[in-house]
Each structure stands twice: as structure tokens, then as C-alpha cells.
């Protein structure tokens, strides 16, 4: 009986650690978005006082702020579950959180990237080069984001299956 309790404790600990790593990944997404916001502020400082560039960058900054407040909050997810039931509940909430984020992440980051076009156009001296750079950025990070969500989804499904067994 004692061996069974130890095994269950080890299994729960491994499940908790995997869940904790998923939470860390989500917190890193929030921190990365804050860095992008700071990047926008730095570009505003170096924008040579062009009202078009400043306005576009402020729009991008605001869009990222809304994204953080609306989709990157982990507040209702129990981050330190202490039983199999609370871990299961937390994983279910995290799955919902991921689904909501997945729907809108590319949209918000694309709007932010498009807000960079006036600055990039002044930097490159060409609107065409700025648009190409923005589109390449959007495509690259869309693909990477989708791959990340796919992996996180698989990890969540694996955790759910482990808990049900």
C-alpha cells in the first residue's frame, strides 16, 4: 500500500511539473509582449517627431496592451494545485485559456506589426520594403506561433489523459 501511495505521489509531482512548465511558457508570452510594447515606445522616441509614425506606434502599443489584459491573464487558473482534482480543474481552465489565445494572438501581433510599417518605411526609405519586412515577420511568427500552440495542445491533452488514468 505504501509503495502505491509513493507511486501516486511521484506521478502527481510529474504531472504538476509538466503543468507548471506550460504556465511558465504562458508567462513568457506575456513578458515577450511587454518587451514588444517597450520596443514600440523606444521606436516612438526615435521617430523624429513624425505624427504618422508616432500615431501608428501608439496604436500598436495599445493593441498589445489590450491583448495582455484580455488574453494573457492567468488569474483564474490555480497555479499550485495540491490534488489530482484541482490539477485537473486547472488544466481544463488552461486549455480554455490556450484556445482563447490561439484565436486572437496572430491578429493582435499582426496589427502591432502593421503599426511598424510607417517607421520601417522611414528607416528603409521605401514603403515596399517596409511592407515586405512586415509581411515576412507576420508569416514567420504566425508559423512559429501555430507550432507552439500545437505542441502546447498536445502537452495539455497528454496531461489530461494521464490524470484520467
N, C-alpha and C. Protein backbone atom coordinates (compact mmCIF):
# COMPACT_ATOMS: atom_id res chain seq x y z
N UNK A 1 0.82 -1.20 0.00
CA UNK A 1 0.00 0.00 0.00
C UNK A 1 0.86 1.25 0.00
N UNK A 2 1.93 1.23 0.80
CA UNK A 2 2.81 2.38 0.89
C UNK A 2 3.49 2.66 -0.45
N UNK A 3 3.87 1.61 -1.19
CA UNK A 3 4.50 1.75 -2.49
C UNK A 3 3.54 2.41 -3.48
N UNK A 4 2.26 2.07 -3.41
CA UNK A 4 1.25 2.65 -4.29
C UNK A 4 1.08 4.14 -4.02
N UNK A 5 1.10 4.54 -2.75
CA UNK A 5 0.98 5.95 -2.39
C UNK A 5 2.18 6.74 -2.89
N UNK A 6 3.37 6.16 -2.78
CA UNK A 6 4.59 6.82 -3.25
C UNK A 6 4.54 6.99 -4.76
N UNK A 7 4.09 5.94 -5.45
CA UNK A 7 3.98 5.99 -6.91
C UNK A 7 2.99 7.07 -7.33
N UNK A 8 1.83 7.14 -6.66
CA UNK A 8 0.83 8.16 -6.98
C UNK A 8 1.37 9.56 -6.71
N UNK A 9 2.14 9.71 -5.63
CA UNK A 9 2.73 11.00 -5.30
C UNK A 9 3.74 11.42 -6.37
N UNK A 10 4.57 10.47 -6.81
CA UNK A 10 5.55 10.76 -7.87
C UNK A 10 4.85 11.12 -9.17
N UNK A 11 3.79 10.40 -9.51
CA UNK A 11 3.04 10.67 -10.73
C UNK A 11 2.41 12.05 -10.66
N UNK A 12 1.79 12.39 -9.53
CA UNK A 12 1.19 13.72 -9.38
C UNK A 12 2.26 14.80 -9.50
N UNK A 13 3.43 14.57 -8.90
CA UNK A 13 4.51 15.55 -8.95
C UNK A 13 4.97 15.78 -10.39
N UNK A 14 5.09 14.71 -11.17
CA UNK A 14 5.50 14.83 -12.57
C UNK A 14 4.44 15.59 -13.37
N UNK A 15 3.17 15.28 -13.11
CA UNK A 15 2.08 15.98 -13.81
C UNK A 15 2.08 17.46 -13.44
N UNK A 16 2.28 17.74 -12.15
CA UNK A 16 2.32 19.13 -11.71
C UNK A 16 3.49 19.87 -12.37
N UNK A 17 4.65 19.23 -12.44
CA UNK A 17 5.83 19.87 -13.05
C UNK A 17 5.58 20.17 -14.53
N UNK A 18 4.94 19.25 -15.23
CA UNK A 18 4.64 19.48 -16.65
C UNK A 18 3.65 20.63 -16.80
N UNK A 19 2.66 20.67 -15.94
CA UNK A 19 1.68 21.76 -15.96
C UNK A 19 2.37 23.08 -15.64
N UNK A 20 3.26 23.05 -14.66
CA UNK A 20 4.00 24.25 -14.27
C UNK A 20 4.84 24.78 -15.43
N UNK A 21 5.44 23.89 -16.21
CA UNK A 21 6.22 24.31 -17.38
C UNK A 21 5.33 24.98 -18.43
N UNK A 22 4.12 24.48 -18.60
CA UNK A 22 3.17 25.12 -19.52
C UNK A 22 2.82 26.52 -19.05
N UNK A 23 2.64 26.68 -17.74
CA UNK A 23 2.35 28.00 -17.18
C UNK A 23 3.53 28.95 -17.39
N UNK A 24 4.73 28.45 -17.21
CA UNK A 24 5.92 29.28 -17.43
C UNK A 24 5.97 29.75 -18.87
N UNK A 25 5.65 28.86 -19.80
CA UNK A 25 5.61 29.25 -21.22
C UNK A 25 4.62 30.36 -21.48
N UNK A 26 3.48 30.31 -20.83
CA UNK A 26 2.47 31.35 -21.00
C UNK A 26 2.92 32.66 -20.37
N UNK A 27 3.59 32.56 -19.23
CA UNK A 27 4.12 33.78 -18.61
C UNK A 27 5.20 34.40 -19.50
N UNK A 28 5.98 33.57 -20.17
CA UNK A 28 7.00 34.08 -21.08
C UNK A 28 6.34 34.81 -22.26
N UNK A 29 5.20 34.33 -22.71
CA UNK A 29 4.48 35.01 -23.79
C UNK A 29 4.05 36.41 -23.34
N UNK A 30 3.61 36.50 -22.10
CA UNK A 30 3.22 37.80 -21.55
C UNK A 30 4.42 38.73 -21.47
N UNK A 31 5.53 38.22 -20.97
CA UNK A 31 6.74 39.04 -20.86
C UNK A 31 7.25 39.46 -22.24
N UNK A 32 7.17 38.56 -23.21
CA UNK A 32 7.58 38.90 -24.58
C UNK A 32 6.72 40.01 -25.15
N UNK A 33 5.44 39.98 -24.86
CA UNK A 33 4.54 41.02 -25.35
C UNK A 33 4.87 42.36 -24.69
N UNK A 34 5.22 42.33 -23.42
CA UNK A 34 5.64 43.56 -22.74
C UNK A 34 6.91 44.11 -23.39
N UNK A 35 7.81 43.23 -23.76
CA UNK A 35 9.04 43.67 -24.45
C UNK A 35 8.70 44.32 -25.79
N UNK A 36 7.74 43.75 -26.51
CA UNK A 36 7.31 44.36 -27.78
C UNK A 36 6.71 45.75 -27.54
N UNK A 37 5.98 45.90 -26.44
CA UNK A 37 5.42 47.21 -26.11
C UNK A 37 6.54 48.21 -25.83
N UNK A 38 7.55 47.77 -25.09
CA UNK A 38 8.70 48.64 -24.81
C UNK A 38 9.44 49.00 -26.09
N UNK A 39 9.52 48.03 -27.00
CA UNK A 39 10.14 48.28 -28.31
C UNK A 39 9.38 49.38 -29.04
N UNK A 40 8.05 49.33 -28.99
CA UNK A 40 7.24 50.39 -29.62
C UNK A 40 7.55 51.75 -28.99
N UNK A 41 7.66 51.78 -27.68
CA UNK A 41 7.97 53.05 -27.01
C UNK A 41 9.35 53.59 -27.41
N UNK A 42 10.31 52.68 -27.54
CA UNK A 42 11.65 53.10 -27.97
C UNK A 42 11.60 53.66 -29.39
N UNK A 43 10.84 53.00 -30.25
CA UNK A 43 10.71 53.50 -31.63
C UNK A 43 10.02 54.86 -31.66
N UNK A 44 9.06 55.06 -30.77
CA UNK A 44 8.39 56.37 -30.69
C UNK A 44 9.44 57.44 -30.35
N UNK A 45 10.32 57.13 -29.44
CA UNK A 45 11.36 58.08 -29.04
C UNK A 45 12.28 58.44 -30.22
N UNK A 46 12.55 57.46 -31.09
CA UNK A 46 13.45 57.68 -32.22
C UNK A 46 12.71 57.97 -33.53
N UNK A 47 11.46 58.36 -33.46
CA UNK A 47 10.65 58.52 -34.67
C UNK A 47 10.80 59.87 -35.35
N UNK A 48 11.67 60.71 -34.87
CA UNK A 48 11.91 62.02 -35.46
C UNK A 48 10.65 62.89 -35.47
N UNK A 49 9.81 62.69 -34.51
CA UNK A 49 8.62 63.50 -34.26
C UNK A 49 7.61 63.51 -35.42
N UNK A 50 7.59 62.45 -36.20
CA UNK A 50 6.60 62.33 -37.26
C UNK A 50 5.27 61.88 -36.65
N UNK A 51 4.23 62.66 -36.83
CA UNK A 51 2.93 62.36 -36.21
C UNK A 51 2.34 61.05 -36.73
N UNK A 52 2.55 60.74 -38.01
CA UNK A 52 2.05 59.48 -38.57
C UNK A 52 2.73 58.29 -37.90
N UNK A 53 4.04 58.36 -37.77
CA UNK A 53 4.78 57.25 -37.16
C UNK A 53 4.41 57.10 -35.69
N UNK A 54 4.36 58.20 -34.97
CA UNK A 54 4.02 58.16 -33.54
C UNK A 54 2.62 57.60 -33.35
N UNK A 55 1.67 58.05 -34.16
CA UNK A 55 0.29 57.56 -34.04
C UNK A 55 0.22 56.06 -34.32
N UNK A 56 0.88 55.61 -35.38
CA UNK A 56 0.86 54.18 -35.71
C UNK A 56 1.48 53.35 -34.59
N UNK A 57 2.61 53.81 -34.06
CA UNK A 57 3.27 53.07 -32.98
C UNK A 57 2.44 53.07 -31.70
N UNK A 58 1.76 54.17 -31.42
CA UNK A 58 0.87 54.20 -30.25
C UNK A 58 -0.31 53.24 -30.42
N UNK A 59 -0.81 53.14 -31.64
CA UNK A 59 -1.88 52.16 -31.91
C UNK A 59 -1.36 50.75 -31.64
N UNK A 60 -0.18 50.44 -32.15
CA UNK A 60 0.41 49.12 -31.92
C UNK A 60 0.64 48.85 -30.44
N UNK A 61 1.14 49.85 -29.73
CA UNK A 61 1.35 49.75 -28.28
C UNK A 61 0.04 49.45 -27.57
N UNK A 62 -1.00 50.17 -27.93
CA UNK A 62 -2.31 49.99 -27.30
C UNK A 62 -2.89 48.62 -27.61
N UNK A 63 -2.74 48.17 -28.84
CA UNK A 63 -3.25 46.85 -29.23
C UNK A 63 -2.59 45.76 -28.38
N UNK A 64 -1.29 45.86 -28.19
CA UNK A 64 -0.60 44.87 -27.35
C UNK A 64 -1.05 44.96 -25.89
N UNK A 65 -1.30 46.17 -25.41
CA UNK A 65 -1.81 46.32 -24.04
C UNK A 65 -3.16 45.65 -23.87
N UNK A 66 -4.03 45.84 -24.84
CA UNK A 66 -5.36 45.18 -24.80
C UNK A 66 -5.18 43.67 -24.85
N UNK A 67 -4.28 43.21 -25.69
CA UNK A 67 -4.04 41.77 -25.81
C UNK A 67 -3.58 41.18 -24.47
N UNK A 68 -2.68 41.86 -23.80
CA UNK A 68 -2.21 41.38 -22.50
C UNK A 68 -3.37 41.32 -21.50
N UNK A 69 -4.13 42.40 -21.43
CA UNK A 69 -5.22 42.46 -20.45
C UNK A 69 -6.34 41.47 -20.75
N UNK A 70 -6.58 41.23 -22.01
CA UNK A 70 -7.72 40.40 -22.39
C UNK A 70 -7.38 38.92 -22.53
N UNK A 71 -6.17 38.59 -22.98
CA UNK A 71 -5.88 37.20 -23.31
C UNK A 71 -4.68 36.57 -22.61
N UNK A 72 -3.87 37.34 -21.94
CA UNK A 72 -2.67 36.76 -21.34
C UNK A 72 -2.72 36.72 -19.81
N UNK A 73 -3.88 36.85 -19.24
CA UNK A 73 -4.03 36.80 -17.79
C UNK A 73 -4.30 35.36 -17.34
N UNK A 74 -3.50 34.89 -16.40
CA UNK A 74 -3.65 33.53 -15.86
C UNK A 74 -4.36 33.53 -14.51
N UNK A 75 -5.01 34.63 -14.17
CA UNK A 75 -5.56 34.84 -12.85
C UNK A 75 -6.49 33.76 -12.32
N UNK A 76 -7.36 33.21 -13.15
CA UNK A 76 -8.35 32.25 -12.64
C UNK A 76 -7.85 30.80 -12.68
N UNK A 77 -6.60 30.61 -13.05
CA UNK A 77 -6.03 29.26 -13.09
C UNK A 77 -5.23 29.03 -11.82
N UNK A 78 -5.57 27.98 -11.09
CA UNK A 78 -4.84 27.63 -9.87
C UNK A 78 -3.44 27.17 -10.27
N UNK A 79 -2.43 27.96 -9.94
CA UNK A 79 -1.08 27.67 -10.40
C UNK A 79 -0.32 26.72 -9.49
N UNK A 80 -0.90 26.42 -8.33
CA UNK A 80 -0.27 25.47 -7.42
C UNK A 80 -1.31 24.46 -6.91
N UNK A 81 -1.84 23.66 -7.83
CA UNK A 81 -2.84 22.67 -7.40
C UNK A 81 -2.20 21.65 -6.45
N UNK A 82 -2.98 21.24 -5.45
CA UNK A 82 -2.43 20.34 -4.45
C UNK A 82 -3.07 18.96 -4.46
N UNK A 83 -3.96 18.72 -5.41
CA UNK A 83 -4.56 17.40 -5.53
C UNK A 83 -4.83 17.11 -7.00
N UNK A 84 -5.13 15.89 -7.27
CA UNK A 84 -5.42 15.48 -8.65
C UNK A 84 -6.64 16.21 -9.20
N UNK A 85 -7.63 16.42 -8.35
CA UNK A 85 -8.85 17.13 -8.77
C UNK A 85 -8.59 18.59 -9.11
N UNK A 86 -7.83 19.27 -8.26
CA UNK A 86 -7.54 20.69 -8.55
C UNK A 86 -6.61 20.82 -9.75
N UNK A 87 -5.70 19.86 -9.92
CA UNK A 87 -4.82 19.88 -11.10
C UNK A 87 -5.65 19.68 -12.36
N UNK A 88 -6.59 18.76 -12.31
CA UNK A 88 -7.47 18.52 -13.46
C UNK A 88 -8.27 19.78 -13.81
N UNK A 89 -8.79 20.44 -12.79
CA UNK A 89 -9.55 21.67 -13.00
C UNK A 89 -8.66 22.77 -13.59
N UNK A 90 -7.44 22.89 -13.08
CA UNK A 90 -6.51 23.89 -13.58
C UNK A 90 -6.13 23.62 -15.03
N UNK A 91 -5.93 22.36 -15.36
CA UNK A 91 -5.58 22.00 -16.74
C UNK A 91 -6.73 22.33 -17.67
N UNK A 92 -7.95 22.07 -17.23
CA UNK A 92 -9.13 22.38 -18.04
C UNK A 92 -9.23 23.89 -18.29
N UNK A 93 -9.00 24.69 -17.25
CA UNK A 93 -9.02 26.15 -17.42
C UNK A 93 -7.88 26.61 -18.33
N UNK A 94 -6.72 25.98 -18.20
CA UNK A 94 -5.58 26.33 -19.03
C UNK A 94 -5.88 26.01 -20.50
N UNK A 95 -6.55 24.91 -20.74
CA UNK A 95 -6.92 24.53 -22.10
C UNK A 95 -7.84 25.59 -22.72
N UNK A 96 -8.80 26.08 -21.95
CA UNK A 96 -9.69 27.15 -22.40
C UNK A 96 -8.89 28.42 -22.67
N UNK A 97 -7.97 28.72 -21.77
CA UNK A 97 -7.10 29.89 -21.93
C UNK A 97 -6.32 29.80 -23.24
N UNK A 98 -5.73 28.62 -23.53
CA UNK A 98 -4.97 28.45 -24.77
C UNK A 98 -5.85 28.61 -26.00
N UNK A 99 -7.06 28.05 -25.95
CA UNK A 99 -7.97 28.17 -27.08
C UNK A 99 -8.32 29.63 -27.36
N UNK A 100 -8.58 30.40 -26.30
CA UNK A 100 -8.88 31.83 -26.47
C UNK A 100 -7.69 32.58 -27.03
N UNK A 101 -6.52 32.29 -26.52
CA UNK A 101 -5.29 32.96 -27.00
C UNK A 101 -5.03 32.62 -28.46
N UNK A 102 -5.20 31.36 -28.80
CA UNK A 102 -4.90 30.89 -30.15
C UNK A 102 -5.75 31.62 -31.19
N UNK A 103 -6.99 31.91 -30.84
CA UNK A 103 -7.90 32.57 -31.79
C UNK A 103 -7.43 33.97 -32.15
N UNK A 104 -6.81 34.67 -31.21
CA UNK A 104 -6.56 36.09 -31.40
C UNK A 104 -5.09 36.51 -31.42
N UNK A 105 -4.18 35.62 -31.06
CA UNK A 105 -2.78 36.03 -30.96
C UNK A 105 -2.22 36.54 -32.28
N UNK A 106 -2.45 35.81 -33.35
CA UNK A 106 -1.92 36.23 -34.65
C UNK A 106 -2.53 37.56 -35.07
N UNK A 107 -3.80 37.76 -34.80
CA UNK A 107 -4.47 39.02 -35.14
C UNK A 107 -3.81 40.20 -34.43
N UNK A 108 -3.65 40.10 -33.13
CA UNK A 108 -3.09 41.21 -32.36
C UNK A 108 -1.63 41.48 -32.73
N UNK A 109 -0.85 40.42 -32.88
CA UNK A 109 0.55 40.62 -33.25
C UNK A 109 0.68 41.14 -34.68
N UNK A 110 -0.24 40.74 -35.55
CA UNK A 110 -0.22 41.26 -36.92
C UNK A 110 -0.55 42.75 -36.95
N UNK A 111 -1.53 43.16 -36.16
CA UNK A 111 -1.87 44.59 -36.09
C UNK A 111 -0.67 45.37 -35.56
N UNK A 112 -0.02 44.83 -34.52
CA UNK A 112 1.16 45.51 -33.99
C UNK A 112 2.24 45.63 -35.08
N UNK A 113 2.47 44.55 -35.80
CA UNK A 113 3.49 44.56 -36.85
C UNK A 113 3.14 45.56 -37.95
N UNK A 114 1.88 45.62 -38.31
CA UNK A 114 1.45 46.59 -39.33
C UNK A 114 1.64 48.02 -38.84
N UNK A 115 1.54 48.21 -37.53
CA UNK A 115 1.75 49.56 -36.98
C UNK A 115 3.21 50.01 -37.11
N UNK A 116 4.10 49.07 -37.38
CA UNK A 116 5.51 49.39 -37.56
C UNK A 116 5.83 49.88 -38.98
N UNK A 117 4.92 49.67 -39.93
CA UNK A 117 5.21 49.98 -41.33
C UNK A 117 5.64 51.43 -41.55
N UNK A 118 4.96 52.44 -40.98
CA UNK A 118 5.45 53.81 -41.21
C UNK A 118 6.88 54.04 -40.71
N UNK A 119 7.21 53.47 -39.55
CA UNK A 119 8.58 53.61 -39.05
C UNK A 119 9.55 52.89 -39.96
N UNK A 120 9.21 51.65 -40.35
CA UNK A 120 10.09 50.89 -41.23
C UNK A 120 10.27 51.57 -42.57
N UNK A 121 9.19 52.18 -43.08
CA UNK A 121 9.28 52.88 -44.36
C UNK A 121 10.26 54.05 -44.27
N UNK A 122 10.25 54.76 -43.15
CA UNK A 122 11.20 55.86 -42.98
C UNK A 122 12.61 55.33 -42.79
N UNK A 123 12.73 54.17 -42.16
CA UNK A 123 14.06 53.58 -41.94
C UNK A 123 14.64 53.03 -43.24
N UNK A 124 13.82 52.27 -43.99
CA UNK A 124 14.28 51.68 -45.25
C UNK A 124 14.27 52.68 -46.41
N UNK A 125 13.49 53.75 -46.26
CA UNK A 125 13.36 54.70 -47.36
C UNK A 125 12.42 54.21 -48.44
N UNK A 126 11.65 53.17 -48.14
CA UNK A 126 10.75 52.59 -49.13
C UNK A 126 9.57 51.91 -48.43
N UNK A 127 8.38 52.26 -48.87
CA UNK A 127 7.19 51.62 -48.30
C UNK A 127 7.11 50.15 -48.71
N UNK A 128 7.56 49.83 -49.91
CA UNK A 128 7.50 48.45 -50.38
C UNK A 128 8.38 47.55 -49.51
N UNK A 129 9.60 47.99 -49.21
CA UNK A 129 10.49 47.21 -48.35
C UNK A 129 9.89 47.06 -46.96
N UNK A 130 9.25 48.11 -46.46
CA UNK A 130 8.63 48.05 -45.13
C UNK A 130 7.49 47.05 -45.11
N UNK A 131 6.68 47.05 -46.15
CA UNK A 131 5.55 46.11 -46.21
C UNK A 131 6.07 44.67 -46.33
N UNK A 132 7.09 44.47 -47.14
CA UNK A 132 7.67 43.13 -47.28
C UNK A 132 8.24 42.66 -45.94
N UNK A 133 8.95 43.53 -45.24
CA UNK A 133 9.51 43.17 -43.93
C UNK A 133 8.39 42.81 -42.95
N UNK A 134 7.32 43.61 -42.94
CA UNK A 134 6.20 43.34 -42.03
C UNK A 134 5.52 42.01 -42.36
N UNK A 135 5.30 41.76 -43.63
CA UNK A 135 4.65 40.51 -44.04
C UNK A 135 5.53 39.31 -43.69
N UNK A 136 6.82 39.41 -43.94
CA UNK A 136 7.73 38.32 -43.57
C UNK A 136 7.71 38.06 -42.07
N UNK A 137 7.69 39.11 -41.28
CA UNK A 137 7.61 38.98 -39.83
C UNK A 137 6.32 38.28 -39.43
N UNK A 138 5.20 38.73 -40.00
CA UNK A 138 3.90 38.14 -39.66
C UNK A 138 3.87 36.66 -40.03
N UNK A 139 4.31 36.31 -41.23
CA UNK A 139 4.29 34.92 -41.68
C UNK A 139 5.19 34.06 -40.79
N UNK A 140 6.40 34.53 -40.53
CA UNK A 140 7.34 33.76 -39.71
C UNK A 140 6.77 33.50 -38.32
N UNK A 141 6.30 34.55 -37.65
CA UNK A 141 5.81 34.36 -36.29
C UNK A 141 4.44 33.69 -36.24
N UNK A 142 3.68 33.76 -37.31
CA UNK A 142 2.43 33.01 -37.36
C UNK A 142 2.72 31.52 -37.40
N UNK A 143 3.67 31.14 -38.22
CA UNK A 143 4.04 29.72 -38.31
C UNK A 143 4.61 29.23 -36.98
N UNK A 144 5.53 30.00 -36.41
CA UNK A 144 6.11 29.61 -35.12
C UNK A 144 5.05 29.55 -34.02
N UNK A 145 4.14 30.52 -34.03
CA UNK A 145 3.07 30.53 -33.04
C UNK A 145 2.15 29.33 -33.16
N UNK A 146 1.77 29.01 -34.39
CA UNK A 146 0.90 27.85 -34.60
C UNK A 146 1.59 26.56 -34.16
N UNK A 147 2.88 26.44 -34.44
CA UNK A 147 3.62 25.26 -33.99
C UNK A 147 3.67 25.20 -32.46
N UNK A 148 3.86 26.34 -31.83
CA UNK A 148 3.87 26.40 -30.37
C UNK A 148 2.53 26.01 -29.76
N UNK A 149 1.45 26.52 -30.35
CA UNK A 149 0.12 26.16 -29.86
C UNK A 149 -0.17 24.68 -30.07
N UNK A 150 0.29 24.15 -31.18
CA UNK A 150 0.08 22.72 -31.46
C UNK A 150 0.79 21.87 -30.41
N UNK A 151 2.04 22.21 -30.08
CA UNK A 151 2.79 21.47 -29.07
C UNK A 151 2.14 21.61 -27.69
N UNK A 152 1.74 22.83 -27.33
CA UNK A 152 1.10 23.05 -26.04
C UNK A 152 -0.21 22.27 -25.95
N UNK A 153 -0.97 22.25 -27.05
CA UNK A 153 -2.22 21.49 -27.08
C UNK A 153 -1.98 20.00 -26.86
N UNK A 154 -0.94 19.47 -27.50
CA UNK A 154 -0.60 18.06 -27.31
C UNK A 154 -0.19 17.79 -25.86
N UNK A 155 0.58 18.70 -25.29
CA UNK A 155 1.00 18.53 -23.90
C UNK A 155 -0.20 18.55 -22.94
N UNK A 156 -1.14 19.44 -23.20
CA UNK A 156 -2.34 19.51 -22.35
C UNK A 156 -3.16 18.24 -22.50
N UNK A 157 -3.32 17.77 -23.73
CA UNK A 157 -4.08 16.53 -23.94
C UNK A 157 -3.40 15.35 -23.24
N UNK A 158 -2.08 15.29 -23.31
CA UNK A 158 -1.35 14.21 -22.66
C UNK A 158 -1.53 14.28 -21.13
N UNK A 159 -1.50 15.49 -20.58
CA UNK A 159 -1.72 15.65 -19.15
C UNK A 159 -3.12 15.22 -18.75
N UNK A 160 -4.11 15.62 -19.55
CA UNK A 160 -5.50 15.22 -19.26
C UNK A 160 -5.64 13.70 -19.29
N UNK A 161 -5.01 13.06 -20.26
CA UNK A 161 -5.09 11.61 -20.36
C UNK A 161 -4.41 10.94 -19.17
N UNK A 162 -3.27 11.47 -18.74
CA UNK A 162 -2.57 10.91 -17.58
C UNK A 162 -3.39 11.03 -16.32
N UNK A 163 -4.06 12.15 -16.15
CA UNK A 163 -4.85 12.36 -14.94
C UNK A 163 -6.08 11.45 -14.92
N UNK A 164 -6.66 11.22 -16.07
CA UNK A 164 -7.86 10.37 -16.13
C UNK A 164 -7.53 8.91 -15.86
N UNK A 165 -6.28 8.51 -16.09
CA UNK A 165 -5.89 7.12 -15.85
C UNK A 165 -5.54 6.87 -14.41
